[in-house]
Amino acid sequence: MTLFDTHTHSLRPDAWVNRSPADILDPGFAYSMGVHPWNAADFSLTELREAARSPLVEAIGETGLDKLKGPSMECQEAAFRGHIATSEEFRKPLIIHCVKAFDRLLALKKELKPQQRWIVHGFRGKPQLAAQLLAAGIDLSLGPAFNPFTAAIIPADRLHIETDDTDTPIAEVAAAVDKARQQS
């Protein structure tokens, strides 16, 4: 079985490699394309839509909301809404970075009723928050650092694994998640 890395910043096969719309894409890899919320002030919907047309781009993001870092929440939300619209237009899943803004994330999901899959990457939250996100139809991706009690409650078809910006092999992340879920 091949393991798929849902979110990485390293050029790897069997992964969605995170890039920004201005980046040149190397053929032979799959990408997620977006503007990180810390850089939301630099967001251009035109650039994102143009980049999303590439068959190499299989997902939109990393995008989202971060109350601890970056420009104003208004600026971040405007960029996030542009990513959501692009995800819907091109029928590609959305990779989400969310820090201390899950209430707003859930409100936007309810308001906009997107059809494409939303995946919160690098999720480290408690099972109670995971249950709220799962109930709202949001998938969760676990990286090298995660809450083992949360890993145990995520249904297999809603669980993703990732390496993010670490050098940790995806197989190592998968083994740790499996151990937490008490299965192989």
Protein backbone atom coordinates (compact mmCIF):
# COMPACT_ATOMS: atom_id res chain seq x y z
CA MET A 1 0.00 0.00 0.00
CA THR A 2 1.26 3.48 -0.89
CA LEU A 3 0.93 6.14 1.78
CA PHE A 4 -0.23 9.56 0.61
CA ASP A 5 1.07 12.71 2.28
CA THR A 6 -1.84 15.18 2.32
CA HIS A 7 0.32 18.20 3.11
CA THR A 8 4.05 18.74 2.71
CA HIS A 9 6.34 21.61 1.80
CA SER A 10 8.99 19.22 0.41
CA LEU A 11 9.00 18.02 -3.17
CA ARG A 12 7.94 14.39 -2.67
CA PRO A 13 6.11 11.81 -4.75
CA ASP A 14 2.80 10.50 -3.38
CA ALA A 15 2.01 13.86 -1.79
CA TRP A 16 0.28 17.15 -2.26
CA VAL A 17 3.22 19.51 -2.28
CA ASN A 18 2.19 22.93 -0.99
CA ARG A 19 3.12 25.84 -3.25
CA SER A 20 2.03 29.44 -3.80
CA PRO A 21 0.43 30.58 -7.07
CA ALA A 22 3.61 32.32 -8.25
CA ASP A 23 5.75 29.17 -7.97
CA ILE A 24 6.89 27.21 -11.01
CA LEU A 25 5.68 23.61 -10.78
CA ASP A 26 7.90 20.64 -11.58
CA PRO A 27 6.10 18.01 -13.69
CA GLY A 28 5.71 14.59 -12.12
CA PHE A 29 4.42 15.89 -8.78
CA ALA A 30 0.98 16.76 -7.41
CA TYR A 31 0.40 20.10 -5.73
CA SER A 32 -1.86 22.04 -3.42
CA MET A 33 -1.88 25.69 -4.37
CA GLY A 34 -2.65 28.58 -2.09
CA VAL A 35 -1.63 31.58 -0.04
CA HIS A 36 -0.95 30.90 3.64
CA PRO A 37 -3.05 33.06 5.99
CA TRP A 38 0.14 34.71 7.30
CA ASN A 39 0.60 36.05 3.75
CA ALA A 40 -3.07 36.84 3.10
CA ALA A 41 -2.25 40.50 2.36
CA ASP A 42 -0.48 39.24 -0.81
CA PHE A 43 -3.47 37.19 -2.00
CA SER A 44 -4.58 37.55 -5.62
CA LEU A 45 -7.71 35.68 -6.69
CA THR A 46 -6.70 36.06 -10.34
CA GLU A 47 -3.31 34.39 -9.71
CA LEU A 48 -4.88 31.58 -7.68
CA ARG A 49 -7.53 30.86 -10.31
CA GLU A 50 -4.91 30.80 -13.07
CA ALA A 51 -2.69 28.42 -11.07
CA ALA A 52 -5.67 26.20 -10.19
CA ARG A 53 -6.22 25.48 -13.90
CA SER A 54 -3.08 23.35 -13.99
CA PRO A 55 -3.71 19.59 -13.97
CA LEU A 56 -0.75 19.34 -11.57
CA VAL A 57 -2.76 21.24 -8.95
CA GLU A 58 -5.01 18.70 -7.23
CA ALA A 59 -5.98 20.71 -4.13
CA ILE A 60 -6.42 24.35 -3.10
CA GLY A 61 -4.56 25.73 -0.09
CA GLU A 62 -2.91 25.95 2.30
CA THR A 63 -5.27 28.70 3.31
CA GLY A 64 -7.28 29.56 6.37
CA LEU A 65 -7.44 31.63 9.52
CA ASP A 66 -4.82 32.28 12.21
CA LYS A 67 -5.62 34.51 15.17
CA LEU A 68 -2.03 34.39 16.45
CA LYS A 69 -0.09 35.52 13.39
CA GLY A 70 -0.59 37.34 10.12
CA PRO A 71 -2.65 40.27 8.90
CA SER A 72 -6.08 41.18 10.27
CA MET A 73 -8.78 38.53 10.47
CA GLU A 74 -10.76 40.53 7.90
CA CYS A 75 -7.86 40.27 5.45
CA GLN A 76 -7.37 36.57 6.18
CA GLU A 77 -11.07 35.85 5.78
CA ALA A 78 -11.24 37.66 2.44
CA ALA A 79 -8.36 35.53 1.13
CA PHE A 80 -9.90 32.38 2.63
CA ARG A 81 -13.21 33.09 0.90
CA GLY A 82 -11.33 33.45 -2.40
CA HIS A 83 -9.71 30.06 -1.85
CA ILE A 84 -13.09 28.51 -1.00
CA ALA A 85 -14.61 29.92 -4.20
CA THR A 86 -11.67 28.57 -6.22
CA SER A 87 -11.97 25.15 -4.58
CA GLU A 88 -15.64 25.05 -5.54
CA GLU A 89 -15.09 26.38 -9.07
CA PHE A 90 -12.36 23.87 -9.92
CA ARG A 91 -13.83 21.04 -7.80
CA LYS A 92 -10.67 20.52 -5.78
CA PRO A 93 -10.36 19.83 -2.04
CA LEU A 94 -9.36 22.64 0.31
CA ILE A 95 -6.34 22.35 2.66
CA ILE A 96 -6.91 24.53 5.73
CA HIS A 97 -4.55 26.06 8.30
CA CYS A 98 -6.54 27.08 11.37
CA VAL A 99 -5.22 28.46 14.66
CA LYS A 100 -7.58 29.66 17.40
CA ALA A 101 -10.29 30.40 14.80
CA PHE A 102 -12.31 27.19 14.66
CA ASP A 103 -15.50 29.01 15.63
CA ARG A 104 -15.20 31.20 12.52
CA LEU A 105 -14.18 28.22 10.36
CA LEU A 106 -17.33 26.34 11.42
CA ALA A 107 -19.48 29.43 10.81
CA LEU A 108 -18.09 29.82 7.27
CA LYS A 109 -18.66 26.13 6.52
CA LYS A 110 -22.28 26.48 7.62
CA GLU A 111 -22.79 29.76 5.74
CA LEU A 112 -21.17 28.77 2.44
CA LYS A 113 -22.21 25.09 2.31
CA PRO A 114 -19.26 24.03 0.11
CA GLN A 115 -19.46 20.81 -1.86
CA GLN A 116 -15.71 20.14 -1.96
CA ARG A 117 -13.86 18.37 0.82
CA TRP A 118 -12.35 20.58 3.53
CA ILE A 119 -9.27 19.18 5.30
CA VAL A 120 -7.82 20.85 8.40
CA HIS A 121 -4.13 20.08 8.21
CA GLY A 122 -1.80 19.55 11.15
CA PHE A 123 -4.70 19.05 13.55
CA ARG A 124 -3.54 18.81 17.18
CA GLY A 125 -6.80 19.57 18.97
CA LYS A 126 -8.75 17.65 21.55
CA PRO A 127 -11.37 15.00 20.70
CA GLN A 128 -14.23 17.40 21.51
CA LEU A 129 -13.09 19.88 18.85
CA ALA A 130 -12.39 17.06 16.41
CA ALA A 131 -15.94 15.78 16.92
CA GLN A 132 -17.36 19.26 16.14
CA LEU A 133 -15.31 19.54 12.95
CA LEU A 134 -16.18 16.02 11.84
CA ALA A 135 -19.89 16.66 12.50
CA ALA A 136 -19.63 19.74 10.26
CA GLY A 137 -18.22 17.57 7.45
CA ILE A 138 -14.59 18.65 7.83
CA ASP A 139 -11.82 16.04 7.51
CA LEU A 140 -8.72 16.06 9.71
CA SER A 141 -5.08 15.54 8.77
CA LEU A 142 -2.58 14.49 11.43
CA GLY A 143 1.13 15.21 11.27
CA PRO A 144 4.06 14.17 13.43
CA ALA A 145 2.56 15.94 16.49
CA PHE A 146 -1.05 15.04 17.28
CA ASN A 147 -3.38 14.20 20.14
CA PRO A 148 -3.56 10.37 20.34
CA PHE A 149 -7.06 10.48 21.85
CA THR A 150 -8.20 12.51 18.87
CA ALA A 151 -6.59 10.08 16.41
CA ALA A 152 -8.64 7.29 17.94
CA ILE A 153 -12.01 8.93 17.16
CA ILE A 154 -11.48 9.99 13.54
CA PRO A 155 -13.23 7.64 11.10
CA ALA A 156 -10.77 6.08 8.65
CA ASP A 157 -12.46 7.69 5.63
CA ARG A 158 -12.08 11.17 7.21
CA LEU A 159 -8.48 10.75 8.39
CA HIS A 160 -5.46 12.04 6.47
CA ILE A 161 -1.76 12.01 7.35
CA GLU A 162 0.95 14.51 6.52
CA THR A 163 4.54 15.53 7.11
CA ASP A 164 3.99 19.31 6.78
CA ASP A 165 7.37 21.08 7.01
CA THR A 166 9.23 18.27 8.82
CA ASP A 167 11.68 15.66 7.57
CA THR A 168 9.67 12.91 9.28
CA PRO A 169 8.95 10.08 6.83
CA ILE A 170 5.24 9.65 6.08
CA ALA A 171 5.51 5.96 7.07
CA GLU A 172 6.63 7.04 10.54
CA VAL A 173 3.66 9.39 10.89
CA ALA A 174 1.31 6.64 9.71
CA ALA A 175 2.77 4.15 12.20
CA ALA A 176 2.32 6.60 15.08
CA VAL A 177 -1.27 7.32 14.07
CA ASP A 178 -2.01 3.59 13.71
CA LYS A 179 -0.55 2.95 17.16
CA ALA A 180 -2.76 5.67 18.64
CA ARG A 181 -5.75 4.16 16.88
CA GLN A 182 -4.70 0.70 18.13
CA GLN A 183 -4.71 -0.81 14.67
CA SER A 184 -2.35 -1.57 11.86
